[in-house]
Amino acid sequence: MGVFARALSATAAILVPALAAALVPAPARAHDALVASAPEDGQSLRSAPEEVVLTFSGEVMDMSTAVLVLDSRAESVHTTEPLVRGHDVSVGLPGEIAEGGYAVRWRVVSSDGHPISGTFTFEVGEGGPPPPPLDAVPEGDPGESSPAPEPVASGPVADLVPRTAVLALVGALGGLLLYLAALRLRRRQHTAGSTRTVSTTTDKDSH
């Protein structure tokens, strides 16, 4: 097997798997979801909780996190800053909150870089006023009026990075293949020219 044939075989062995990997679509990553909360949605508690804890299906990003607790009059309850720990996000509540219904509005950045949000309610004590409407937001509240974060490159966009590298490798190998073909052609032409020169010289000597 010649040099060109060996180079062609080696190039094909690399190109075929690389092209197959580049053309197969990568599965899209799903957003994280709220899988549990404490208090639970709709739960009625005998006494006020010390904190609100949200548990997600993935490790959310510690950026632009907001957890807003509203009382029955749709007024914001003072809480501590959201604490992000792996799958959990929590905020502390004051020592005593009045009996009645509460609504929790939350927003986090999913592990795939996209912001997600939701709401749920709970009640403290019995016979108190019901929770406020879930869409009730105190005007000018910084937790809700802050702009949504820009999604981080991920999913289909991030999957293009390795594919681009693969395609670049394929292009480089293709260029190498063309170079080897041109080199082989030049060697053939050189060999043919040398043969013709030797033949011409031999004919002259015979005369």
N, C-alpha and C. Protein backbone atom coordinates (compact mmCIF):
# COMPACT_ATOMS: atom_id res chain seq x y z
N MET A 1 0.85 -1.19 0.00
CA MET A 1 0.00 0.00 0.00
C MET A 1 0.89 1.24 0.00
N GLY A 2 0.63 2.18 -0.96
CA GLY A 2 1.43 3.38 -1.07
C GLY A 2 1.15 4.38 0.02
N VAL A 3 1.98 5.45 0.01
CA VAL A 3 1.81 6.50 1.02
C VAL A 3 0.44 7.15 0.89
N PHE A 4 0.04 7.42 -0.36
CA PHE A 4 -1.26 8.08 -0.57
C PHE A 4 -2.42 7.21 -0.10
N ALA A 5 -2.36 5.91 -0.40
CA ALA A 5 -3.43 5.00 0.00
C ALA A 5 -3.53 4.91 1.52
N ARG A 6 -2.35 4.84 2.18
CA ARG A 6 -2.36 4.79 3.64
C ARG A 6 -2.94 6.06 4.24
N ALA A 7 -2.58 7.22 3.68
CA ALA A 7 -3.10 8.50 4.17
C ALA A 7 -4.60 8.58 3.96
N LEU A 8 -5.07 8.08 2.78
CA LEU A 8 -6.50 8.10 2.50
C LEU A 8 -7.26 7.24 3.48
N SER A 9 -6.72 6.04 3.78
CA SER A 9 -7.38 5.13 4.71
C SER A 9 -7.43 5.73 6.11
N ALA A 10 -6.34 6.34 6.57
CA ALA A 10 -6.31 6.94 7.91
C ALA A 10 -7.26 8.13 8.00
N THR A 11 -7.31 8.94 6.93
CA THR A 11 -8.20 10.10 6.93
C THR A 11 -9.65 9.67 6.97
N ALA A 12 -10.00 8.65 6.19
CA ALA A 12 -11.38 8.16 6.18
C ALA A 12 -11.77 7.61 7.54
N ALA A 13 -10.83 6.95 8.21
CA ALA A 13 -11.11 6.38 9.53
C ALA A 13 -11.44 7.47 10.55
N ILE A 14 -10.89 8.67 10.35
CA ILE A 14 -11.17 9.79 11.26
C ILE A 14 -12.40 10.57 10.82
N LEU A 15 -12.53 10.75 9.50
CA LEU A 15 -13.62 11.59 8.99
C LEU A 15 -14.99 10.97 9.23
N VAL A 16 -15.13 9.68 9.00
CA VAL A 16 -16.45 9.05 9.09
C VAL A 16 -17.03 9.15 10.50
N PRO A 17 -16.30 8.76 11.58
CA PRO A 17 -16.87 8.93 12.92
C PRO A 17 -17.10 10.38 13.29
N ALA A 18 -16.20 11.28 12.84
CA ALA A 18 -16.35 12.70 13.18
C ALA A 18 -17.60 13.28 12.55
N LEU A 19 -17.84 12.95 11.28
CA LEU A 19 -19.04 13.44 10.62
C LEU A 19 -20.30 12.86 11.25
N ALA A 20 -20.25 11.59 11.62
CA ALA A 20 -21.41 10.97 12.27
C ALA A 20 -21.72 11.65 13.60
N ALA A 21 -20.68 11.96 14.37
CA ALA A 21 -20.89 12.63 15.66
C ALA A 21 -21.42 14.04 15.47
N ALA A 22 -20.98 14.72 14.41
CA ALA A 22 -21.41 16.09 14.19
C ALA A 22 -22.85 16.18 13.71
N LEU A 23 -23.30 15.15 12.97
CA LEU A 23 -24.63 15.20 12.37
C LEU A 23 -25.71 14.67 13.29
N VAL A 24 -25.36 13.88 14.29
CA VAL A 24 -26.37 13.37 15.22
C VAL A 24 -26.82 14.48 16.15
N PRO A 25 -28.13 14.81 16.20
CA PRO A 25 -28.60 15.90 17.06
C PRO A 25 -28.46 15.55 18.52
N ALA A 26 -27.97 16.52 19.32
CA ALA A 26 -27.82 16.31 20.77
C ALA A 26 -29.15 16.54 21.46
N PRO A 27 -29.48 15.78 22.49
CA PRO A 27 -30.74 15.97 23.19
C PRO A 27 -30.77 17.30 23.93
N ALA A 28 -31.93 17.97 23.88
CA ALA A 28 -32.09 19.26 24.54
C ALA A 28 -32.23 19.07 26.05
N ARG A 29 -31.61 19.92 26.80
CA ARG A 29 -31.72 19.85 28.26
C ARG A 29 -33.00 20.52 28.71
N ALA A 30 -33.70 19.88 29.64
CA ALA A 30 -34.95 20.43 30.15
C ALA A 30 -34.66 21.40 31.28
N HIS A 31 -35.56 22.38 31.44
CA HIS A 31 -35.42 23.31 32.56
C HIS A 31 -35.63 22.55 33.87
N ASP A 32 -35.04 23.08 34.94
CA ASP A 32 -35.32 22.52 36.26
C ASP A 32 -36.76 22.86 36.65
N ALA A 33 -37.27 22.14 37.63
CA ALA A 33 -38.64 22.36 38.09
C ALA A 33 -38.68 22.32 39.61
N LEU A 34 -39.65 23.01 40.19
CA LEU A 34 -39.85 22.96 41.64
C LEU A 34 -40.47 21.61 41.98
N VAL A 35 -39.78 20.83 42.80
CA VAL A 35 -40.27 19.49 43.13
C VAL A 35 -40.84 19.41 44.55
N ALA A 36 -40.51 20.38 45.40
CA ALA A 36 -41.05 20.37 46.76
C ALA A 36 -40.88 21.76 47.37
N SER A 37 -41.66 22.03 48.39
CA SER A 37 -41.53 23.29 49.12
C SER A 37 -41.94 23.07 50.57
N ALA A 38 -41.42 23.91 51.44
CA ALA A 38 -41.81 23.90 52.85
C ALA A 38 -42.02 25.36 53.27
N PRO A 39 -43.27 25.74 53.55
CA PRO A 39 -44.49 24.92 53.56
C PRO A 39 -44.87 24.41 52.16
N GLU A 40 -45.70 23.38 52.12
CA GLU A 40 -46.18 22.85 50.86
C GLU A 40 -47.29 23.74 50.31
N ASP A 41 -47.53 23.63 49.03
CA ASP A 41 -48.58 24.41 48.39
C ASP A 41 -49.94 24.05 49.00
N GLY A 42 -50.62 25.08 49.53
CA GLY A 42 -51.94 24.87 50.12
C GLY A 42 -51.93 24.34 51.54
N GLN A 43 -50.77 24.19 52.13
CA GLN A 43 -50.68 23.62 53.48
C GLN A 43 -51.18 24.62 54.52
N SER A 44 -51.85 24.09 55.54
CA SER A 44 -52.32 24.90 56.67
C SER A 44 -51.48 24.55 57.90
N LEU A 45 -50.81 25.58 58.45
CA LEU A 45 -49.90 25.37 59.57
C LEU A 45 -50.52 25.90 60.86
N ARG A 46 -50.23 25.23 61.96
CA ARG A 46 -50.72 25.71 63.25
C ARG A 46 -49.96 26.94 63.71
N SER A 47 -48.66 26.97 63.42
CA SER A 47 -47.83 28.11 63.81
C SER A 47 -47.01 28.58 62.61
N ALA A 48 -46.49 29.79 62.72
CA ALA A 48 -45.76 30.38 61.60
C ALA A 48 -44.44 29.64 61.37
N PRO A 49 -44.06 29.39 60.13
CA PRO A 49 -42.78 28.74 59.84
C PRO A 49 -41.63 29.72 60.04
N GLU A 50 -40.45 29.20 60.28
CA GLU A 50 -39.27 30.05 60.44
C GLU A 50 -38.65 30.43 59.10
N GLU A 51 -38.94 29.64 58.07
CA GLU A 51 -38.38 29.90 56.76
C GLU A 51 -39.24 29.28 55.68
N VAL A 52 -38.99 29.71 54.47
CA VAL A 52 -39.62 29.10 53.29
C VAL A 52 -38.49 28.46 52.48
N VAL A 53 -38.65 27.18 52.17
CA VAL A 53 -37.61 26.43 51.45
C VAL A 53 -38.19 25.89 50.15
N LEU A 54 -37.50 26.12 49.06
CA LEU A 54 -37.89 25.61 47.75
C LEU A 54 -36.85 24.58 47.30
N THR A 55 -37.29 23.44 46.82
CA THR A 55 -36.40 22.39 46.36
C THR A 55 -36.66 22.13 44.88
N PHE A 56 -35.58 22.17 44.09
CA PHE A 56 -35.70 22.04 42.64
C PHE A 56 -35.08 20.73 42.16
N SER A 57 -35.41 20.36 40.94
CA SER A 57 -34.93 19.10 40.38
C SER A 57 -33.44 19.14 40.04
N GLY A 58 -32.87 20.34 39.89
CA GLY A 58 -31.46 20.49 39.60
C GLY A 58 -30.83 21.55 40.48
N GLU A 59 -29.53 21.70 40.40
CA GLU A 59 -28.82 22.72 41.18
C GLU A 59 -28.95 24.06 40.46
N VAL A 60 -29.83 24.92 40.97
CA VAL A 60 -30.07 26.21 40.33
C VAL A 60 -28.86 27.13 40.53
N MET A 61 -28.75 28.14 39.64
CA MET A 61 -27.63 29.07 39.71
C MET A 61 -27.87 30.13 40.78
N ASP A 62 -26.80 30.52 41.42
CA ASP A 62 -26.88 31.53 42.48
C ASP A 62 -26.79 32.92 41.83
N MET A 63 -27.84 33.31 41.10
CA MET A 63 -27.87 34.61 40.44
C MET A 63 -29.32 35.01 40.18
N SER A 64 -29.62 36.29 40.44
CA SER A 64 -30.95 36.86 40.19
C SER A 64 -32.06 36.05 40.85
N THR A 65 -31.78 35.50 42.03
CA THR A 65 -32.78 34.73 42.76
C THR A 65 -33.71 35.66 43.53
N ALA A 66 -35.01 35.40 43.47
CA ALA A 66 -35.98 36.23 44.18
C ALA A 66 -37.07 35.35 44.77
N VAL A 67 -37.36 35.55 46.05
CA VAL A 67 -38.47 34.87 46.73
C VAL A 67 -39.27 35.93 47.47
N LEU A 68 -40.51 36.13 47.08
CA LEU A 68 -41.37 37.16 47.65
C LEU A 68 -42.53 36.51 48.40
N VAL A 69 -42.71 36.89 49.66
CA VAL A 69 -43.81 36.37 50.47
C VAL A 69 -44.80 37.51 50.70
N LEU A 70 -46.06 37.30 50.33
CA LEU A 70 -47.11 38.32 50.48
C LEU A 70 -48.14 37.86 51.51
N ASP A 71 -48.56 38.79 52.37
CA ASP A 71 -49.60 38.45 53.35
C ASP A 71 -50.98 38.58 52.71
N SER A 72 -52.01 38.40 53.51
CA SER A 72 -53.38 38.40 52.98
C SER A 72 -53.78 39.74 52.38
N ARG A 73 -53.10 40.82 52.74
CA ARG A 73 -53.39 42.14 52.18
C ARG A 73 -52.47 42.47 51.00
N ALA A 74 -51.76 41.44 50.52
CA ALA A 74 -50.85 41.59 49.38
C ALA A 74 -49.70 42.53 49.70
N GLU A 75 -49.32 42.59 50.97
CA GLU A 75 -48.17 43.38 51.37
C GLU A 75 -46.97 42.45 51.58
N SER A 76 -45.80 42.91 51.19
CA SER A 76 -44.60 42.08 51.25
C SER A 76 -44.17 41.84 52.69
N VAL A 77 -43.91 40.58 53.02
CA VAL A 77 -43.39 40.21 54.33
C VAL A 77 -41.86 40.29 54.28
N HIS A 78 -41.29 40.90 55.30
CA HIS A 78 -39.83 41.03 55.33
C HIS A 78 -39.19 39.65 55.48
N THR A 79 -38.24 39.34 54.60
CA THR A 79 -37.52 38.07 54.66
C THR A 79 -36.02 38.34 54.54
N THR A 80 -35.25 37.33 54.85
CA THR A 80 -33.80 37.43 54.63
C THR A 80 -33.51 37.29 53.13
N GLU A 81 -32.27 37.57 52.76
CA GLU A 81 -31.88 37.38 51.36
C GLU A 81 -31.94 35.89 51.00
N PRO A 82 -32.36 35.58 49.78
CA PRO A 82 -32.43 34.16 49.38
C PRO A 82 -31.07 33.48 49.49
N LEU A 83 -31.06 32.28 50.05
CA LEU A 83 -29.85 31.49 50.20
C LEU A 83 -29.95 30.29 49.26
N VAL A 84 -28.99 30.19 48.33
CA VAL A 84 -28.98 29.09 47.36
C VAL A 84 -27.96 28.06 47.79
N ARG A 85 -28.42 26.83 47.99
CA ARG A 85 -27.53 25.73 48.38
C ARG A 85 -27.91 24.50 47.58
N GLY A 86 -27.18 24.29 46.47
CA GLY A 86 -27.46 23.13 45.63
C GLY A 86 -28.85 23.19 45.02
N HIS A 87 -29.67 22.23 45.38
CA HIS A 87 -31.04 22.15 44.86
C HIS A 87 -32.01 23.03 45.64
N ASP A 88 -31.58 23.58 46.78
CA ASP A 88 -32.50 24.30 47.67
C ASP A 88 -32.27 25.81 47.64
N VAL A 89 -33.38 26.54 47.73
CA VAL A 89 -33.37 27.99 47.90
C VAL A 89 -34.25 28.30 49.11
N SER A 90 -33.74 29.11 50.04
CA SER A 90 -34.52 29.39 51.25
C SER A 90 -34.44 30.86 51.62
N VAL A 91 -35.48 31.32 52.30
CA VAL A 91 -35.50 32.67 52.89
C VAL A 91 -36.04 32.53 54.31
N GLY A 92 -35.47 33.30 55.24
CA GLY A 92 -35.93 33.29 56.62
C GLY A 92 -37.08 34.27 56.82
N LEU A 93 -38.03 33.92 57.68
CA LEU A 93 -39.17 34.76 58.01
C LEU A 93 -38.98 35.38 59.38
N PRO A 94 -39.67 36.49 59.65
CA PRO A 94 -39.57 37.10 60.99
C PRO A 94 -40.13 36.16 62.05
N GLY A 95 -39.82 36.46 63.31
CA GLY A 95 -40.23 35.58 64.40
C GLY A 95 -41.73 35.34 64.47
N GLU A 96 -42.54 36.35 64.20
CA GLU A 96 -43.98 36.19 64.29
C GLU A 96 -44.64 36.82 63.06
N ILE A 97 -45.51 36.07 62.42
CA ILE A 97 -46.34 36.62 61.35
C ILE A 97 -47.79 36.32 61.69
N ALA A 98 -48.66 37.19 61.27
CA ALA A 98 -50.08 37.08 61.64
C ALA A 98 -50.72 35.84 61.02
N GLU A 99 -51.81 35.41 61.66
CA GLU A 99 -52.58 34.30 61.11
C GLU A 99 -53.25 34.76 59.81
N GLY A 100 -53.39 33.83 58.92
CA GLY A 100 -54.00 34.13 57.63
C GLY A 100 -53.27 33.44 56.50
N GLY A 101 -53.70 33.77 55.28
CA GLY A 101 -53.12 33.14 54.10
C GLY A 101 -51.96 33.94 53.54
N TYR A 102 -51.02 33.24 52.94
CA TYR A 102 -49.83 33.87 52.35
C TYR A 102 -49.59 33.29 50.95
N ALA A 103 -49.04 34.13 50.11
CA ALA A 103 -48.65 33.69 48.76
C ALA A 103 -47.14 33.85 48.61
N VAL A 104 -46.54 32.90 47.95
CA VAL A 104 -45.10 32.94 47.70
C VAL A 104 -44.89 32.99 46.20
N ARG A 105 -44.14 33.99 45.78
CA ARG A 105 -43.74 34.10 44.37
C ARG A 105 -42.23 33.95 44.31
N TRP A 106 -41.75 33.09 43.41
CA TRP A 106 -40.32 32.84 43.34
C TRP A 106 -39.82 32.90 41.90
N ARG A 107 -38.54 33.20 41.77
CA ARG A 107 -37.88 33.19 40.47
C ARG A 107 -36.42 32.81 40.69
N VAL A 108 -35.95 31.83 39.92
CA VAL A 108 -34.56 31.38 40.00
C VAL A 108 -34.04 31.19 38.57
N VAL A 109 -32.74 30.99 38.47
CA VAL A 109 -32.13 30.66 37.18
C VAL A 109 -31.83 29.17 37.17
N SER A 110 -32.47 28.47 36.24
CA SER A 110 -32.31 27.03 36.13
C SER A 110 -30.86 26.66 35.82
N SER A 111 -30.49 25.43 36.08
CA SER A 111 -29.12 24.99 35.82
C SER A 111 -28.76 25.03 34.34
N ASP A 112 -29.77 25.11 33.46
CA ASP A 112 -29.50 25.23 32.02
C ASP A 112 -29.36 26.68 31.59
N GLY A 113 -29.44 27.62 32.57
CA GLY A 113 -29.23 29.04 32.27
C GLY A 113 -30.49 29.83 31.99
N HIS A 114 -31.66 29.23 32.06
CA HIS A 114 -32.90 29.94 31.77
C HIS A 114 -33.65 30.26 33.07
N PRO A 115 -34.21 31.47 33.19
CA PRO A 115 -34.99 31.82 34.39
C PRO A 115 -36.32 31.09 34.41
N ILE A 116 -36.69 30.60 35.55
CA ILE A 116 -37.99 29.96 35.75
C ILE A 116 -38.64 30.60 36.97
N SER A 117 -39.96 30.52 37.06
CA SER A 117 -40.67 31.16 38.17
C SER A 117 -41.96 30.40 38.46
N GLY A 118 -42.56 30.73 39.61
CA GLY A 118 -43.81 30.08 39.99
C GLY A 118 -44.38 30.69 41.26
N THR A 119 -45.50 30.15 41.69
CA THR A 119 -46.18 30.65 42.89
C THR A 119 -46.80 29.48 43.66
N PHE A 120 -47.04 29.69 44.94
CA PHE A 120 -47.84 28.76 45.73
C PHE A 120 -48.33 29.50 46.98
N THR A 121 -49.24 28.90 47.70
CA THR A 121 -49.83 29.54 48.89
C THR A 121 -49.74 28.61 50.10
N PHE A 122 -49.83 29.21 51.28
CA PHE A 122 -49.98 28.45 52.52
C PHE A 122 -50.73 29.32 53.52
N GLU A 123 -51.20 28.71 54.59
CA GLU A 123 -51.97 29.42 55.61
C GLU A 123 -51.39 29.15 57.00
N VAL A 124 -51.52 30.16 57.84
CA VAL A 124 -51.07 30.05 59.23
C VAL A 124 -52.29 30.21 60.13
N GLY A 125 -52.50 29.26 61.05
CA GLY A 125 -53.64 29.33 61.95
C GLY A 125 -54.94 28.95 61.25
N GLU A 126 -56.04 29.18 61.96
CA GLU A 126 -57.36 28.86 61.43
C GLU A 126 -58.25 30.09 61.50
N GLY A 127 -59.08 30.24 60.50
CA GLY A 127 -60.06 31.33 60.51
C GLY A 127 -59.52 32.67 60.08
N GLY A 128 -58.27 32.75 59.64
CA GLY A 128 -57.71 34.02 59.20
C GLY A 128 -58.13 34.36 57.78
N PRO A 129 -57.78 35.54 57.31
CA PRO A 129 -58.10 35.92 55.93
C PRO A 129 -57.40 35.03 54.92
N PRO A 130 -57.97 34.85 53.75
CA PRO A 130 -57.38 33.95 52.75
C PRO A 130 -56.11 34.55 52.13
N PRO A 131 -55.38 33.75 51.41
CA PRO A 131 -54.17 34.27 50.74
C PRO A 131 -54.55 35.32 49.69
N PRO A 132 -53.62 36.19 49.35
CA PRO A 132 -53.89 37.19 48.32
C PRO A 132 -53.88 36.54 46.94
N PRO A 133 -54.36 37.24 45.92
CA PRO A 133 -54.27 36.70 44.56
C PRO A 133 -52.81 36.42 44.20
N LEU A 134 -52.60 35.35 43.44
CA LEU A 134 -51.23 34.97 43.11
C LEU A 134 -50.53 35.98 42.22
N ASP A 135 -51.31 36.81 41.51
CA ASP A 135 -50.68 37.81 40.65
C ASP A 135 -50.51 39.15 41.35
N ALA A 136 -50.85 39.20 42.67
CA ALA A 136 -50.71 40.46 43.41
C ALA A 136 -49.25 40.69 43.75
N VAL A 137 -48.70 41.82 43.30
CA VAL A 137 -47.30 42.17 43.57
C VAL A 137 -47.24 43.62 44.03
N PRO A 138 -46.66 43.88 45.20
CA PRO A 138 -46.54 45.28 45.64
C PRO A 138 -45.78 46.10 44.60
N GLU A 139 -46.30 47.25 44.29
CA GLU A 139 -45.67 48.09 43.28
C GLU A 139 -44.29 48.54 43.74
N GLY A 140 -43.31 48.40 42.84
CA GLY A 140 -41.95 48.86 43.15
C GLY A 140 -41.15 47.87 43.97
N ASP A 141 -41.67 46.65 44.16
CA ASP A 141 -40.90 45.69 44.96
C ASP A 141 -39.67 45.25 44.18
N PRO A 142 -38.47 45.38 44.77
CA PRO A 142 -37.25 45.08 44.02
C PRO A 142 -37.12 43.62 43.64
N GLY A 143 -37.73 42.73 44.40
CA GLY A 143 -37.61 41.31 44.08
C GLY A 143 -38.30 40.94 42.80
N GLU A 144 -39.35 41.70 42.40
CA GLU A 144 -40.09 41.36 41.21
C GLU A 144 -39.85 42.31 40.05
N SER A 145 -39.42 43.54 40.36
CA SER A 145 -39.26 44.51 39.29
C SER A 145 -37.89 44.44 38.64
N SER A 146 -36.96 43.70 39.24
CA SER A 146 -35.63 43.59 38.64
C SER A 146 -35.72 42.83 37.32
N PRO A 147 -34.91 43.22 36.33
CA PRO A 147 -35.00 42.56 35.03
C PRO A 147 -34.58 41.10 35.09
N ALA A 148 -35.18 40.31 34.22
CA ALA A 148 -34.84 38.89 34.17
C ALA A 148 -33.43 38.73 33.64
N PRO A 149 -32.67 37.79 34.18
CA PRO A 149 -31.29 37.61 33.73
C PRO A 149 -31.24 37.06 32.32
N GLU A 150 -30.15 37.38 31.61
CA GLU A 150 -29.96 36.83 30.27
C GLU A 150 -29.63 35.34 30.41
N PRO A 151 -30.25 34.50 29.57
CA PRO A 151 -29.95 33.08 29.64
C PRO A 151 -28.48 32.81 29.34
N VAL A 152 -27.91 31.86 30.06
CA VAL A 152 -26.53 31.46 29.83
C VAL A 152 -26.50 30.49 28.66
N ALA A 153 -25.46 30.59 27.82
CA ALA A 153 -25.37 29.71 26.66
C ALA A 153 -25.40 28.26 27.11
N SER A 154 -26.36 27.51 26.58
CA SER A 154 -26.52 26.14 26.98
C SER A 154 -27.39 25.44 25.98
N GLY A 155 -27.68 24.16 26.23
CA GLY A 155 -28.58 23.43 25.38
C GLY A 155 -28.10 23.41 23.94
N PRO A 156 -29.02 23.70 22.98
CA PRO A 156 -28.64 23.64 21.57
C PRO A 156 -27.51 24.59 21.21
N VAL A 157 -27.45 25.79 21.85
CA VAL A 157 -26.39 26.75 21.52
C VAL A 157 -25.05 26.21 21.97
N ALA A 158 -24.98 25.74 23.21
CA ALA A 158 -23.72 25.21 23.71
C ALA A 158 -23.29 23.96 22.95
N ASP A 159 -24.29 23.16 22.48
CA ASP A 159 -23.95 21.94 21.76
C ASP A 159 -23.29 22.23 20.43
N LEU A 160 -23.45 23.47 19.90
CA LEU A 160 -22.82 23.82 18.63
C LEU A 160 -21.31 23.95 18.76
N VAL A 161 -20.82 24.20 19.98
CA VAL A 161 -19.37 24.40 20.16
C VAL A 161 -18.58 23.17 19.78
N PRO A 162 -18.87 21.96 20.36
CA PRO A 162 -18.10 20.79 19.94
C PRO A 162 -18.32 20.44 18.48
N ARG A 163 -19.53 20.68 17.95
CA ARG A 163 -19.78 20.38 16.55
C ARG A 163 -18.94 21.26 15.65
N THR A 164 -18.80 22.53 16.02
CA THR A 164 -17.97 23.43 15.23
C THR A 164 -16.53 22.95 15.22
N ALA A 165 -16.06 22.49 16.38
CA ALA A 165 -14.69 21.97 16.45
C ALA A 165 -14.53 20.74 15.58
N VAL A 166 -15.54 19.87 15.58
CA VAL A 166 -15.48 18.66 14.76
C VAL A 166 -15.43 19.02 13.28
N LEU A 167 -16.30 19.96 12.88
CA LEU A 167 -16.31 20.37 11.48
C LEU A 167 -14.98 21.01 11.06
N ALA A 168 -14.39 21.79 11.98
CA ALA A 168 -13.08 22.38 11.69
C ALA A 168 -12.03 21.28 11.49
N LEU A 169 -12.09 20.25 12.32
CA LEU A 169 -11.15 19.13 12.19
C LEU A 169 -11.35 18.41 10.86
N VAL A 170 -12.64 18.24 10.49
CA VAL A 170 -12.94 17.59 9.22
C VAL A 170 -12.37 18.40 8.06
N GLY A 171 -12.52 19.74 8.12
CA GLY A 171 -11.98 20.59 7.07
C GLY A 171 -10.47 20.50 6.98
N ALA A 172 -9.82 20.46 8.16
CA ALA A 172 -8.35 20.36 8.16
C ALA A 172 -7.89 19.04 7.57
N LEU A 173 -8.58 17.95 7.92
CA LEU A 173 -8.20 16.65 7.38
C LEU A 173 -8.45 16.58 5.87
N GLY A 174 -9.55 17.23 5.44
CA GLY A 174 -9.83 17.27 4.01
C GLY A 174 -8.74 18.03 3.26
N GLY A 175 -8.26 19.13 3.85
CA GLY A 175 -7.16 19.88 3.24
C GLY A 175 -5.89 19.05 3.16
N LEU A 176 -5.64 18.26 4.23
CA LEU A 176 -4.46 17.39 4.23
C LEU A 176 -4.56 16.35 3.12
N LEU A 177 -5.77 15.83 2.94
CA LEU A 177 -5.98 14.83 1.90
C LEU A 177 -5.71 15.41 0.51
N LEU A 178 -6.19 16.64 0.27
CA LEU A 178 -5.94 17.29 -1.01
C LEU A 178 -4.46 17.56 -1.22
N TYR A 179 -3.77 17.95 -0.15
CA TYR A 179 -2.33 18.20 -0.25
C TYR A 179 -1.59 16.93 -0.62
N LEU A 180 -1.95 15.82 0.01
CA LEU A 180 -1.29 14.56 -0.31
C LEU A 180 -1.56 14.13 -1.74
N ALA A 181 -2.79 14.40 -2.22
CA ALA A 181 -3.11 14.05 -3.61
C ALA A 181 -2.28 14.88 -4.58
N ALA A 182 -2.15 16.20 -4.28
CA ALA A 182 -1.35 17.06 -5.15
C ALA A 182 0.12 16.65 -5.12
N LEU A 183 0.61 16.27 -3.93
CA LEU A 183 2.00 15.84 -3.80
C LEU A 183 2.25 14.57 -4.60
N ARG A 184 1.31 13.65 -4.57
CA ARG A 184 1.46 12.40 -5.32
C ARG A 184 1.45 12.68 -6.83
N LEU A 185 0.58 13.62 -7.26
CA LEU A 185 0.52 13.97 -8.68
C LEU A 185 1.84 14.59 -9.14
N ARG A 186 2.41 15.47 -8.32
CA ARG A 186 3.69 16.08 -8.67
C ARG A 186 4.80 15.03 -8.78
N ARG A 187 4.78 14.07 -7.86
CA ARG A 187 5.81 13.02 -7.91
C ARG A 187 5.66 12.18 -9.18
N ARG A 188 4.42 11.93 -9.57
CA ARG A 188 4.20 11.17 -10.80
C ARG A 188 4.73 11.93 -12.01
N GLN A 189 4.41 13.25 -12.05
CA GLN A 189 4.87 14.07 -13.16
C GLN A 189 6.39 14.14 -13.20
N HIS A 190 7.02 14.25 -12.02
CA HIS A 190 8.47 14.31 -11.95
C HIS A 190 9.09 13.00 -12.43
N THR A 191 8.49 11.88 -11.99
CA THR A 191 8.99 10.57 -12.40
C THR A 191 8.84 10.37 -13.90
N ALA A 192 7.66 10.81 -14.43
CA ALA A 192 7.43 10.68 -15.87
C ALA A 192 8.42 11.53 -16.65
N GLY A 193 8.71 12.77 -16.18
CA GLY A 193 9.67 13.65 -16.86
C GLY A 193 11.06 13.07 -16.85
N SER A 194 11.46 12.48 -15.72
CA SER A 194 12.79 11.87 -15.62
C SER A 194 12.90 10.69 -16.56
N THR A 195 11.84 9.94 -16.70
CA THR A 195 11.85 8.77 -17.60
C THR A 195 11.99 9.20 -19.04
N ARG A 196 11.26 10.27 -19.42
CA ARG A 196 11.35 10.78 -20.79
C ARG A 196 12.76 11.31 -21.07
N THR A 197 13.38 11.97 -20.07
CA THR A 197 14.74 12.51 -20.26
C THR A 197 15.74 11.39 -20.48
N VAL A 198 15.66 10.34 -19.68
CA VAL A 198 16.55 9.20 -19.80
C VAL A 198 16.36 8.53 -21.15
N SER A 199 15.11 8.40 -21.58
CA SER A 199 14.81 7.76 -22.86
C SER A 199 15.37 8.56 -24.02
N THR A 200 15.24 9.89 -23.97
CA THR A 200 15.75 10.75 -25.04
C THR A 200 17.29 10.68 -25.12
N THR A 201 17.92 10.68 -23.96
CA THR A 201 19.38 10.60 -23.91
C THR A 201 19.88 9.27 -24.49
N THR A 202 19.18 8.21 -24.17
CA THR A 202 19.56 6.89 -24.67
C THR A 202 19.43 6.80 -26.18
N ASP A 203 18.38 7.42 -26.73
CA ASP A 203 18.18 7.41 -28.19
C ASP A 203 19.30 8.17 -28.88
N LYS A 204 19.70 9.32 -28.32
CA LYS A 204 20.79 10.11 -28.92
C LYS A 204 22.10 9.35 -28.92
N ASP A 205 22.36 8.63 -27.81
CA ASP A 205 23.62 7.89 -27.71
C ASP A 205 23.65 6.76 -28.72
N SER A 206 22.49 6.17 -28.99
CA SER A 206 22.48 5.05 -29.94
C SER A 206 22.78 5.49 -31.35
N HIS A 207 22.50 6.80 -31.70
CA HIS A 207 22.80 7.32 -33.03
C HIS A 207 24.24 7.79 -33.09
